[in-house]
């Protein structure tokens, strides 16, 4: 994920823009990336997960355009290592 992926979110949901926030996702616009939830919607979800299930990377559904397996495997390894490092930092903070 890069800053470019977050630019629309920052524009729509920055703290200086509280009264002008608009979600971009709707049933009519399923391509919209940003949506709001009310309390009841959040509580009704499994363990209050805010999984962004409606956002799909279309490049991954086209099997002919998937990256090479070694690239996918390296990406998975990097993500797992990053997650483990984050947990290690949390554990160090908890021991303080």
N, C-alpha and C. Protein backbone atom coordinates (compact mmCIF):
# COMPACT_ATOMS: atom_id res chain seq x y z
N UNK A 1 0.85 -1.16 0.00
CA UNK A 1 0.00 0.00 0.00
C UNK A 1 0.90 1.23 0.00
N UNK A 2 0.55 2.18 -0.81
CA UNK A 2 1.34 3.41 -0.89
C UNK A 2 0.45 4.60 -0.53
N UNK A 3 1.06 5.74 -0.42
CA UNK A 3 0.33 6.96 -0.11
C UNK A 3 -0.75 7.23 -1.16
N UNK A 4 -0.48 6.87 -2.39
CA UNK A 4 -1.44 7.07 -3.47
C UNK A 4 -2.76 6.35 -3.17
N UNK A 5 -2.69 5.19 -2.53
CA UNK A 5 -3.89 4.44 -2.20
C UNK A 5 -4.75 5.16 -1.15
N UNK A 6 -4.14 6.03 -0.37
CA UNK A 6 -4.85 6.70 0.73
C UNK A 6 -5.26 8.14 0.41
N UNK A 7 -4.84 8.67 -0.71
CA UNK A 7 -5.10 10.08 -1.01
C UNK A 7 -6.59 10.41 -0.99
N UNK A 8 -7.41 9.57 -1.60
CA UNK A 8 -8.85 9.82 -1.62
C UNK A 8 -9.42 9.80 -0.21
N UNK A 9 -8.99 8.84 0.61
CA UNK A 9 -9.45 8.75 1.99
C UNK A 9 -9.08 10.00 2.78
N UNK A 10 -7.83 10.45 2.64
CA UNK A 10 -7.38 11.64 3.36
C UNK A 10 -8.22 12.86 2.97
N UNK A 11 -8.47 12.98 1.68
CA UNK A 11 -9.28 14.10 1.19
C UNK A 11 -10.69 14.05 1.77
N UNK A 12 -11.29 12.86 1.79
CA UNK A 12 -12.68 12.72 2.22
C UNK A 12 -12.85 12.74 3.74
N UNK A 13 -11.89 12.18 4.47
CA UNK A 13 -12.09 11.96 5.89
C UNK A 13 -11.11 12.68 6.80
N UNK A 14 -10.42 13.70 6.33
CA UNK A 14 -9.48 14.39 7.20
C UNK A 14 -10.23 15.14 8.30
N UNK A 15 -9.55 15.39 9.41
CA UNK A 15 -10.20 15.97 10.59
C UNK A 15 -10.69 17.40 10.36
N UNK A 16 -10.18 18.08 9.35
CA UNK A 16 -10.64 19.44 9.05
C UNK A 16 -11.90 19.42 8.19
N UNK A 17 -12.36 18.26 7.84
CA UNK A 17 -13.44 18.11 6.89
C UNK A 17 -14.64 17.36 7.48
N UNK A 18 -14.80 17.42 8.81
CA UNK A 18 -15.80 16.60 9.49
C UNK A 18 -17.22 16.79 8.94
N UNK A 19 -17.59 18.01 8.62
CA UNK A 19 -18.96 18.26 8.18
C UNK A 19 -19.17 18.02 6.69
N UNK A 20 -18.11 17.68 5.97
CA UNK A 20 -18.21 17.48 4.53
C UNK A 20 -17.87 16.06 4.10
N UNK A 21 -17.81 15.15 5.05
CA UNK A 21 -17.42 13.78 4.71
C UNK A 21 -18.51 13.08 3.91
N UNK A 22 -18.10 12.41 2.86
CA UNK A 22 -19.03 11.65 2.04
C UNK A 22 -18.42 10.30 1.71
N UNK A 23 -19.21 9.27 1.91
CA UNK A 23 -18.72 7.96 1.51
C UNK A 23 -18.82 7.85 0.00
N UNK A 24 -17.96 7.05 -0.57
CA UNK A 24 -17.98 6.88 -2.02
C UNK A 24 -18.58 5.54 -2.42
N UNK A 25 -18.70 4.61 -1.47
CA UNK A 25 -19.29 3.31 -1.77
C UNK A 25 -20.79 3.36 -1.55
N UNK A 26 -21.53 2.71 -2.41
CA UNK A 26 -22.97 2.51 -2.22
C UNK A 26 -23.36 1.30 -3.05
N UNK A 27 -24.58 0.83 -2.88
CA UNK A 27 -25.02 -0.31 -3.69
C UNK A 27 -25.04 0.06 -5.17
N UNK A 28 -25.25 1.34 -5.46
CA UNK A 28 -25.24 1.81 -6.84
C UNK A 28 -23.82 2.02 -7.35
N UNK A 29 -22.88 2.28 -6.45
CA UNK A 29 -21.50 2.54 -6.82
C UNK A 29 -20.59 1.60 -6.04
N UNK A 30 -20.57 0.35 -6.42
CA UNK A 30 -19.77 -0.64 -5.70
C UNK A 30 -18.27 -0.46 -5.93
N UNK A 31 -17.90 0.43 -6.84
CA UNK A 31 -16.49 0.72 -7.07
C UNK A 31 -15.96 1.73 -6.05
N UNK A 32 -16.85 2.39 -5.31
CA UNK A 32 -16.42 3.35 -4.29
C UNK A 32 -15.61 2.67 -3.21
N UNK A 33 -14.57 3.32 -2.74
CA UNK A 33 -13.67 2.70 -1.78
C UNK A 33 -13.98 3.05 -0.33
N UNK A 34 -14.74 4.09 -0.07
CA UNK A 34 -14.89 4.56 1.30
C UNK A 34 -16.36 4.55 1.70
N UNK A 35 -16.61 4.04 2.90
CA UNK A 35 -17.99 4.00 3.37
C UNK A 35 -18.02 4.23 4.86
N UNK A 36 -19.18 4.63 5.35
CA UNK A 36 -19.39 4.86 6.77
C UNK A 36 -20.24 3.73 7.32
N UNK A 37 -20.08 3.46 8.62
CA UNK A 37 -20.89 2.47 9.31
C UNK A 37 -21.53 3.13 10.52
N UNK A 38 -22.76 2.76 10.81
CA UNK A 38 -23.32 3.20 12.09
C UNK A 38 -23.01 2.13 13.13
N UNK A 39 -23.28 2.43 14.37
CA UNK A 39 -22.95 1.54 15.47
C UNK A 39 -23.58 0.15 15.29
N UNK A 40 -24.84 0.10 14.93
CA UNK A 40 -25.53 -1.18 14.77
C UNK A 40 -24.89 -2.04 13.68
N UNK A 41 -24.45 -1.40 12.57
CA UNK A 41 -23.78 -2.14 11.50
C UNK A 41 -22.49 -2.77 12.01
N UNK A 42 -21.73 -2.02 12.79
CA UNK A 42 -20.46 -2.52 13.30
C UNK A 42 -20.67 -3.68 14.28
N UNK A 43 -21.60 -3.52 15.20
CA UNK A 43 -21.86 -4.56 16.19
C UNK A 43 -22.40 -5.83 15.54
N UNK A 44 -23.15 -5.70 14.46
CA UNK A 44 -23.72 -6.87 13.79
C UNK A 44 -22.67 -7.70 13.06
N UNK A 45 -21.50 -7.12 12.81
CA UNK A 45 -20.45 -7.84 12.08
C UNK A 45 -19.71 -8.79 13.03
N UNK A 46 -19.11 -9.80 12.48
CA UNK A 46 -18.36 -10.78 13.26
C UNK A 46 -17.21 -10.10 13.99
N UNK A 47 -17.26 -10.10 15.30
CA UNK A 47 -16.21 -9.53 16.15
C UNK A 47 -15.92 -8.08 15.77
N UNK A 48 -16.94 -7.36 15.38
CA UNK A 48 -16.85 -5.96 14.95
C UNK A 48 -15.76 -5.74 13.91
N UNK A 49 -15.59 -6.69 13.03
CA UNK A 49 -14.61 -6.59 11.95
C UNK A 49 -15.04 -5.52 10.95
N UNK A 50 -14.09 -4.70 10.54
CA UNK A 50 -14.34 -3.72 9.49
C UNK A 50 -13.67 -4.15 8.20
N UNK A 51 -13.66 -5.44 7.97
CA UNK A 51 -13.07 -6.00 6.76
C UNK A 51 -13.62 -5.28 5.53
N UNK A 52 -12.75 -4.91 4.64
CA UNK A 52 -13.17 -4.17 3.45
C UNK A 52 -13.46 -5.14 2.31
N UNK A 53 -14.40 -6.04 2.57
CA UNK A 53 -14.71 -7.13 1.65
C UNK A 53 -15.23 -6.64 0.30
N UNK A 54 -15.76 -5.44 0.24
CA UNK A 54 -16.33 -4.97 -1.02
C UNK A 54 -15.27 -4.45 -1.99
N UNK A 55 -14.04 -4.26 -1.52
CA UNK A 55 -12.97 -3.80 -2.39
C UNK A 55 -12.25 -5.02 -2.93
N UNK A 56 -12.26 -5.16 -4.20
CA UNK A 56 -11.62 -6.30 -4.83
C UNK A 56 -10.57 -5.81 -5.82
N UNK A 57 -9.43 -6.46 -5.81
CA UNK A 57 -8.38 -6.14 -6.76
C UNK A 57 -8.69 -6.91 -8.04
N UNK A 58 -9.23 -6.22 -9.03
CA UNK A 58 -9.66 -6.88 -10.25
C UNK A 58 -8.51 -7.56 -10.99
N UNK A 59 -7.30 -7.06 -10.79
CA UNK A 59 -6.17 -7.69 -11.47
C UNK A 59 -5.94 -9.11 -10.96
N UNK A 60 -6.39 -9.41 -9.73
CA UNK A 60 -6.19 -10.74 -9.19
C UNK A 60 -7.29 -11.71 -9.61
N UNK A 61 -8.39 -11.21 -10.15
CA UNK A 61 -9.44 -12.11 -10.61
C UNK A 61 -9.20 -12.55 -12.05
N UNK A 62 -8.31 -11.88 -12.73
CA UNK A 62 -7.94 -12.26 -14.09
C UNK A 62 -6.72 -13.18 -14.00
N UNK A 63 -6.95 -14.47 -14.04
CA UNK A 63 -5.89 -15.44 -13.80
C UNK A 63 -4.74 -15.34 -14.79
N UNK A 64 -5.00 -14.79 -15.96
CA UNK A 64 -3.94 -14.64 -16.95
C UNK A 64 -2.97 -13.52 -16.58
N UNK A 65 -3.38 -12.62 -15.70
CA UNK A 65 -2.54 -11.48 -15.33
C UNK A 65 -1.96 -11.57 -13.93
N UNK A 66 -2.03 -12.73 -13.32
CA UNK A 66 -1.45 -12.88 -11.98
C UNK A 66 0.07 -12.75 -12.05
N UNK A 67 0.67 -12.19 -10.99
CA UNK A 67 2.13 -12.16 -10.95
C UNK A 67 2.69 -13.58 -10.90
N UNK A 68 3.97 -13.71 -11.22
CA UNK A 68 4.63 -15.01 -11.14
C UNK A 68 4.53 -15.55 -9.71
N UNK A 69 4.48 -16.89 -9.56
CA UNK A 69 4.36 -17.48 -8.22
C UNK A 69 5.46 -17.04 -7.26
N UNK A 70 6.69 -16.87 -7.77
CA UNK A 70 7.77 -16.46 -6.87
C UNK A 70 7.55 -15.04 -6.36
N UNK A 71 6.96 -14.18 -7.17
CA UNK A 71 6.65 -12.82 -6.71
C UNK A 71 5.56 -12.87 -5.65
N UNK A 72 4.51 -13.66 -5.90
CA UNK A 72 3.44 -13.81 -4.90
C UNK A 72 3.99 -14.39 -3.60
N UNK A 73 4.84 -15.41 -3.71
CA UNK A 73 5.41 -16.03 -2.51
C UNK A 73 6.25 -15.04 -1.73
N UNK A 74 7.07 -14.25 -2.43
CA UNK A 74 7.89 -13.24 -1.74
C UNK A 74 7.02 -12.18 -1.07
N UNK A 75 5.95 -11.77 -1.73
CA UNK A 75 5.03 -10.80 -1.11
C UNK A 75 4.42 -11.37 0.16
N UNK A 76 4.02 -12.64 0.11
CA UNK A 76 3.44 -13.28 1.30
C UNK A 76 4.47 -13.34 2.42
N UNK A 77 5.68 -13.72 2.10
CA UNK A 77 6.74 -13.78 3.11
C UNK A 77 6.98 -12.41 3.72
N UNK A 78 7.06 -11.38 2.90
CA UNK A 78 7.27 -10.02 3.40
C UNK A 78 6.13 -9.60 4.33
N UNK A 79 4.89 -9.92 3.96
CA UNK A 79 3.75 -9.56 4.81
C UNK A 79 3.79 -10.30 6.14
N UNK A 80 4.12 -11.58 6.12
CA UNK A 80 4.20 -12.36 7.35
C UNK A 80 5.32 -11.84 8.23
N UNK A 81 6.48 -11.59 7.65
CA UNK A 81 7.61 -11.07 8.43
C UNK A 81 7.29 -9.71 9.02
N UNK A 82 6.62 -8.86 8.25
CA UNK A 82 6.24 -7.55 8.76
C UNK A 82 5.29 -7.68 9.94
N UNK A 83 4.33 -8.59 9.82
CA UNK A 83 3.39 -8.82 10.92
C UNK A 83 4.10 -9.35 12.15
N UNK A 84 5.02 -10.29 11.97
CA UNK A 84 5.77 -10.83 13.10
C UNK A 84 6.60 -9.75 13.78
N UNK A 85 7.25 -8.90 12.99
CA UNK A 85 8.04 -7.81 13.56
C UNK A 85 7.17 -6.85 14.35
N UNK A 86 5.97 -6.58 13.83
CA UNK A 86 5.05 -5.70 14.57
C UNK A 86 4.66 -6.33 15.90
N UNK A 87 4.38 -7.64 15.90
CA UNK A 87 4.03 -8.31 17.16
C UNK A 87 5.21 -8.32 18.12
N UNK A 88 6.42 -8.50 17.61
CA UNK A 88 7.60 -8.48 18.48
C UNK A 88 7.75 -7.11 19.15
N UNK A 89 7.50 -6.04 18.40
CA UNK A 89 7.57 -4.70 18.98
C UNK A 89 6.51 -4.53 20.08
N UNK A 90 5.33 -5.04 19.83
CA UNK A 90 4.27 -4.97 20.84
C UNK A 90 4.69 -5.72 22.10
N UNK A 91 5.24 -6.90 21.92
CA UNK A 91 5.68 -7.69 23.07
C UNK A 91 6.77 -6.96 23.85
N UNK A 92 7.70 -6.33 23.16
CA UNK A 92 8.74 -5.56 23.86
C UNK A 92 8.13 -4.41 24.65
N UNK A 93 7.14 -3.75 24.06
CA UNK A 93 6.47 -2.64 24.77
C UNK A 93 5.72 -3.15 25.99
N UNK A 94 5.12 -4.32 25.89
CA UNK A 94 4.37 -4.89 27.01
C UNK A 94 5.29 -5.29 28.16
N UNK A 95 6.52 -5.63 27.85
CA UNK A 95 7.47 -6.06 28.88
C UNK A 95 8.07 -4.87 29.63
N UNK A 96 7.87 -3.67 29.13
CA UNK A 96 8.45 -2.47 29.78
C UNK A 96 7.68 -2.09 31.00
